[in-house]
Protein backbone atom coordinates (compact mmCIF):
# COMPACT_ATOMS: atom_id res chain seq x y z
CA MET A 1 0.05 0.05 0.37
CA LYS A 2 1.10 3.70 -0.80
CA PHE A 3 -0.74 6.86 0.09
CA TYR A 4 -0.63 10.32 0.41
CA ILE A 5 -2.38 12.80 2.21
CA ASN A 6 -2.78 16.24 1.62
CA PRO A 7 -0.65 18.25 4.71
CA SER A 8 -3.69 20.28 5.20
CA MET A 9 -6.14 17.50 5.37
CA GLU A 10 -4.22 15.23 8.02
CA ARG A 11 -7.71 14.97 9.67
CA PHE A 12 -8.21 12.05 6.92
CA ARG A 13 -5.49 10.19 7.51
CA SER A 14 -7.07 7.20 9.38
CA PHE A 15 -10.10 7.20 6.99
CA ILE A 16 -7.43 6.81 3.79
CA GLU A 17 -5.85 4.30 6.16
CA THR A 18 -8.80 1.96 6.20
CA LEU A 19 -10.46 2.94 3.03
CA PRO A 20 -10.59 -0.45 1.42
CA ALA A 21 -12.48 -1.98 4.26
CA HIS A 22 -15.24 0.33 4.09
CA PHE A 23 -15.45 1.70 0.55
CA ASP A 24 -18.93 -0.04 -0.42
CA THR A 25 -20.36 1.19 2.62
CA GLY A 26 -20.30 5.09 0.74
CA GLU A 27 -23.22 6.54 -1.05
CA LEU A 28 -22.94 5.50 -4.76
CA ILE A 29 -22.72 8.48 -7.07
CA PHE A 30 -21.39 6.68 -10.21
CA GLN A 31 -20.88 2.89 -10.98
CA GLY A 32 -19.40 1.88 -14.66
CA ARG A 33 -15.80 1.61 -15.16
CA ASN A 34 -14.73 3.38 -12.17
CA THR A 35 -16.82 3.46 -9.06
CA ILE A 36 -17.59 6.79 -7.45
CA ARG A 37 -18.72 6.96 -3.79
CA ALA A 38 -19.53 10.11 -1.05
CA PHE A 39 -18.58 9.74 2.95
CA THR A 40 -19.52 12.02 5.70
CA VAL A 41 -16.07 11.95 7.89
CA GLY A 42 -16.94 14.13 10.91
CA GLU A 43 -18.85 16.77 9.67
CA GLU A 44 -17.27 17.10 6.09
CA LYS A 45 -18.70 15.54 3.51
CA ILE A 46 -15.90 13.94 0.97
CA THR A 47 -16.05 11.87 -2.76
CA VAL A 48 -14.03 8.92 -3.42
CA LYS A 49 -13.15 7.69 -7.01
CA ARG A 50 -12.05 4.41 -7.51
CA PHE A 51 -10.68 3.48 -10.66
CA ARG A 52 -10.68 0.38 -12.75
CA LYS A 53 -8.36 -2.13 -11.64
CA PRO A 54 -5.66 -1.92 -14.65
CA SER A 55 -5.28 -4.99 -17.11
CA ALA A 56 -2.05 -7.61 -16.42
CA ILE A 57 0.34 -5.60 -18.70
CA ASN A 58 -0.90 -2.18 -17.07
CA LYS A 59 -0.47 -3.62 -13.57
CA LEU A 60 3.14 -3.64 -14.70
CA ILE A 61 3.20 -0.17 -16.09
CA TYR A 62 1.20 1.48 -13.83
CA GLY A 63 3.30 -0.23 -10.83
CA HIS A 64 7.06 0.43 -11.95
CA LEU A 65 7.30 2.75 -14.90
CA ARG A 66 3.98 5.48 -14.45
CA LYS A 67 1.80 6.98 -12.07
CA SER A 68 -1.11 5.66 -11.36
CA LYS A 69 -4.48 7.55 -12.52
CA ALA A 70 -5.19 8.23 -9.02
CA ARG A 71 -1.78 9.87 -8.14
CA ARG A 72 -2.04 11.50 -11.59
CA ALA A 73 -5.25 13.46 -10.84
CA TYR A 74 -3.88 14.16 -7.16
CA GLU A 75 -1.38 15.69 -8.78
CA HIS A 76 -2.96 17.57 -11.56
CA ALA A 77 -5.67 18.93 -9.40
CA THR A 78 -3.21 20.06 -7.19
CA GLU A 79 -1.90 22.51 -9.94
CA LEU A 80 -5.38 23.44 -10.92
CA CYS A 81 -5.56 24.88 -7.55
CA ARG A 82 -2.34 26.35 -8.05
CA LEU A 83 -3.50 27.97 -11.19
CA VAL A 84 -6.81 29.15 -9.51
CA ILE A 85 -8.73 27.10 -11.64
CA PRO A 86 -11.55 25.63 -9.81
CA THR A 87 -11.79 21.60 -9.52
CA PRO A 88 -12.76 19.83 -6.41
CA GLU A 89 -10.21 20.24 -3.42
CA PRO A 90 -7.89 17.35 -3.62
CA ILE A 91 -7.54 15.55 -0.06
CA GLY A 92 -5.19 11.92 -1.09
CA TRP A 93 -4.47 9.35 -3.17
CA ARG A 94 -3.84 5.70 -2.27
CA GLU A 95 -2.48 2.71 -4.15
CA ASP A 96 -2.91 -0.92 -3.31
CA TYR A 97 -0.60 -3.53 -4.53
CA HIS A 98 -0.81 -7.68 -4.49
CA HIS A 99 2.24 -9.43 -4.67
CA GLY A 100 4.15 -6.56 -6.14
CA LEU A 101 1.13 -5.59 -8.58
CA ILE A 102 -0.71 -2.22 -8.38
CA GLY A 103 -4.68 -3.24 -7.92
CA ASP A 104 -7.13 -0.57 -6.75
CA THR A 105 -6.07 2.85 -6.79
CA TYR A 106 -7.97 5.38 -5.00
CA LEU A 107 -8.49 9.81 -5.56
CA ILE A 108 -9.73 11.36 -2.36
CA THR A 109 -11.35 14.77 -2.71
CA ARG A 110 -13.77 17.18 -1.25
CA TYR A 111 -17.56 16.53 -2.46
CA SER A 112 -18.90 18.97 -4.98
CA ASP A 113 -22.25 19.48 -5.96
CA TYR A 114 -21.69 21.15 -9.35
CA ARG A 115 -23.83 19.44 -12.07
CA PRO A 116 -22.77 18.15 -15.59
CA ILE A 117 -22.62 20.66 -18.39
CA SER A 118 -24.28 17.71 -20.60
CA GLU A 119 -27.79 19.09 -18.78
CA MET A 120 -27.63 22.32 -20.50
CA THR A 121 -25.77 21.40 -23.74
CA ASN A 122 -28.30 18.86 -24.58
CA ALA A 123 -31.39 20.87 -24.06
CA PHE A 124 -29.90 23.98 -25.74
CA PRO A 125 -30.91 26.29 -27.26
CA ALA A 126 -34.08 26.44 -24.50
CA PRO A 127 -34.57 29.57 -22.66
CA HIS A 128 -33.16 28.07 -19.38
CA THR A 129 -29.86 27.14 -20.79
CA PHE A 130 -28.61 30.73 -21.90
CA ALA A 131 -27.09 31.70 -18.67
CA VAL A 132 -24.77 28.64 -18.27
CA ILE A 133 -23.74 28.02 -21.95
CA ASP A 134 -23.08 32.07 -22.39
CA ALA A 135 -20.71 31.89 -19.62
CA LEU A 136 -18.86 28.44 -20.47
CA PRO A 137 -16.91 29.98 -22.99
CA ALA A 138 -15.08 32.03 -20.96
CA PHE A 139 -14.21 29.32 -18.28
CA ILE A 140 -12.58 27.42 -21.33
CA ALA A 141 -10.71 30.47 -22.87
CA GLU A 142 -9.40 30.81 -19.42
CA LEU A 143 -8.04 27.24 -18.99
CA HIS A 144 -6.40 27.64 -22.51
CA ARG A 145 -4.53 30.93 -21.57
CA LYS A 146 -3.31 29.65 -18.30
CA GLY A 147 -2.21 26.54 -20.83
CA VAL A 148 -4.14 23.49 -19.73
CA GLU A 149 -5.23 21.07 -22.02
CA HIS A 150 -7.69 18.51 -20.28
CA HIS A 151 -7.38 15.14 -23.00
CA ASP A 152 -11.04 14.12 -21.41
CA PHE A 153 -12.78 17.55 -22.00
CA ASN A 154 -16.04 16.27 -22.67
CA ASN A 155 -19.50 17.89 -21.43
CA GLY A 156 -19.94 15.64 -18.36
CA ASN A 157 -16.31 16.73 -17.26
CA THR A 158 -17.10 20.03 -17.00
CA GLN A 159 -19.62 20.86 -14.13
CA TRP A 160 -21.66 24.10 -13.51
CA LYS A 161 -23.22 25.84 -10.57
CA ILE A 162 -25.53 28.93 -9.99
CA ASP A 163 -24.79 30.66 -6.43
CA ALA A 164 -27.50 32.64 -4.67
CA GLU A 165 -26.58 35.92 -6.59
CA GLY A 166 -27.13 34.11 -9.87
CA HIS A 167 -23.28 33.99 -10.68
CA CYS A 168 -22.20 30.52 -12.82
CA HIS A 169 -19.16 28.75 -12.01
CA PHE A 170 -17.50 25.94 -13.30
CA GLU A 171 -15.15 23.59 -12.37
CA VAL A 172 -13.41 20.38 -14.20
CA ILE A 173 -13.30 16.83 -12.76
CA ASP A 174 -12.15 13.60 -14.38
CA ILE A 175 -8.45 15.35 -14.84
CA ASN A 176 -5.96 12.45 -14.69
CA ARG A 177 -5.36 12.98 -18.66
CA MET A 178 -4.60 16.04 -18.95
CA GLN A 179 -1.32 18.46 -19.87
CA PHE A 180 0.08 21.49 -18.62
CA ARG A 181 2.06 23.50 -21.39
CA GLY A 182 3.28 26.46 -19.42
CA ARG A 183 2.22 28.51 -22.24
CA GLU A 184 -1.33 29.77 -23.61
CA LEU A 185 -2.44 27.43 -26.10
CA THR A 186 -2.32 28.18 -30.10
CA ARG A 187 -5.55 28.57 -31.82
CA LYS A 188 -4.96 25.01 -33.71
CA GLU A 189 -4.38 23.35 -30.11
CA SER A 190 -7.55 25.01 -28.73
CA LEU A 191 -9.79 24.25 -31.43
CA LEU A 192 -8.59 20.73 -31.40
CA ASN A 193 -9.37 20.64 -27.48
CA LEU A 194 -12.60 21.78 -28.31
CA GLN A 195 -13.80 19.33 -30.49
CA ARG A 196 -13.71 17.22 -27.55
CA ILE A 197 -16.91 18.60 -25.69
CA ASN A 198 -18.83 15.64 -27.33
CA CYS A 199 -22.25 17.87 -27.55
CA PRO A 200 -25.06 18.58 -29.90
CA MET A 201 -23.66 20.76 -32.90
CA THR A 202 -26.17 23.56 -32.22
CA ALA A 203 -24.64 23.87 -28.99
CA TYR A 204 -21.47 23.36 -30.15
CA ALA A 205 -21.31 25.87 -32.96
CA TYR A 206 -22.69 28.24 -30.50
CA ILE A 207 -19.85 27.64 -28.03
CA LEU A 208 -17.48 27.46 -30.75
CA GLY A 209 -18.49 31.64 -31.83
CA ARG A 210 -18.64 32.75 -28.22
CA TYR A 211 -15.23 31.07 -27.86
CA GLY A 212 -13.56 32.74 -30.66
CA GLU A 213 -15.01 36.02 -29.97
CA LEU A 214 -13.22 35.90 -26.50
CA ARG A 215 -10.13 35.03 -28.20
CA GLY A 216 -10.30 37.80 -30.77
CA TRP A 217 -10.64 35.67 -33.84
CA ASP A 218 -12.84 35.59 -36.75
CA ASN A 219 -15.88 34.08 -35.73
CA TYR A 220 -16.96 32.58 -39.09
CA TYR A 221 -13.57 30.96 -39.15
CA SER A 222 -13.51 29.31 -35.63
CA GLN A 223 -16.97 27.84 -36.18
CA MET A 224 -16.00 26.32 -39.61
CA ASP A 225 -12.12 25.30 -38.61
CA GLY A 226 -13.60 23.99 -35.21
CA ALA A 227 -15.99 22.34 -37.07
CA HIS A 228 -13.95 20.65 -39.31
CA TYR A 229 -12.24 19.47 -36.16
CA TYR A 230 -14.72 18.16 -34.90
CA SER A 231 -16.16 16.07 -37.78
CA GLN A 232 -12.53 14.52 -38.10
CA PHE A 233 -12.91 13.64 -34.09
CA VAL A 234 -16.10 11.87 -34.40
CA ILE A 235 -15.22 10.03 -37.66
CA LYS A 236 -11.74 8.65 -35.46
CA ARG A 237 -14.31 7.90 -32.59
CA ASP A 238 -16.83 5.86 -34.53
CA ARG A 239 -14.20 4.23 -36.33
CA ARG A 240 -12.55 3.22 -33.17
CA ASN A 241 -15.82 1.91 -31.58
CA ARG A 242 -16.33 0.02 -34.50
CA TRP A 243 -13.31 -1.79 -34.25
CA LYS A 244 -13.80 -2.57 -30.72
CA GLU A 245 -17.28 -3.86 -31.26
CA LEU A 246 -15.65 -6.11 -34.20
CA LEU A 247 -13.09 -7.27 -31.65
CA ARG A 248 -15.30 -8.02 -28.97
CA GLY A 249 -17.65 -10.07 -31.60
CA LYS A 250 -14.63 -12.19 -32.51
CA ARG A 251 -13.90 -12.79 -28.69
CA LYS A 252 -17.23 -14.48 -28.09
């Protein structure tokens, strides 16, 4: 077992040390490739994400050659906080090993009640969606100006919340695949990153136009180039999914 705790979060040490024994008792938030549960520790609500166990070859890679997804997500969250980019506050990470090979890994963060942006992009252009969709491009532009390239930048990994004063706030999650370039992203890098939002074209074109305006780009060419990159992304994704389905069929 290996684990690390944010120095300001030592009060969660005993919880993390015994985490595997009580993980299944938490409130289930998401069950899929990974499992996310919420816990109340003392008077504080936190979230624990248990990543899917890696394949046999990845057990060797993540255990010896590369940092685990949990550890990378924690370190990326720490860097995002340094850059003043909202993400659930990181508490710690844990890696469990069996016979020297990595098994379950966990990311522990503060609980967030933000909602996925997909709720708004899928309903756009309904009147209630504009407050969120109009504010979203400025958040994305801030990420790109600060050199942040989220490699899982889909409409489920950007979340929103409107406060009591009516101001819209955003945060990013699922951040184990991310790059910090240390400089502002170029126009092409920015548009290629935006192609991953994976939302209906009506919302996508609207976001592209607003984003381009904020970056000082020509609205028409921003939308045209962005739509081109998006269509390429969709074609590659669909082709990859078809190959996966064919391979699964051959294995049956």
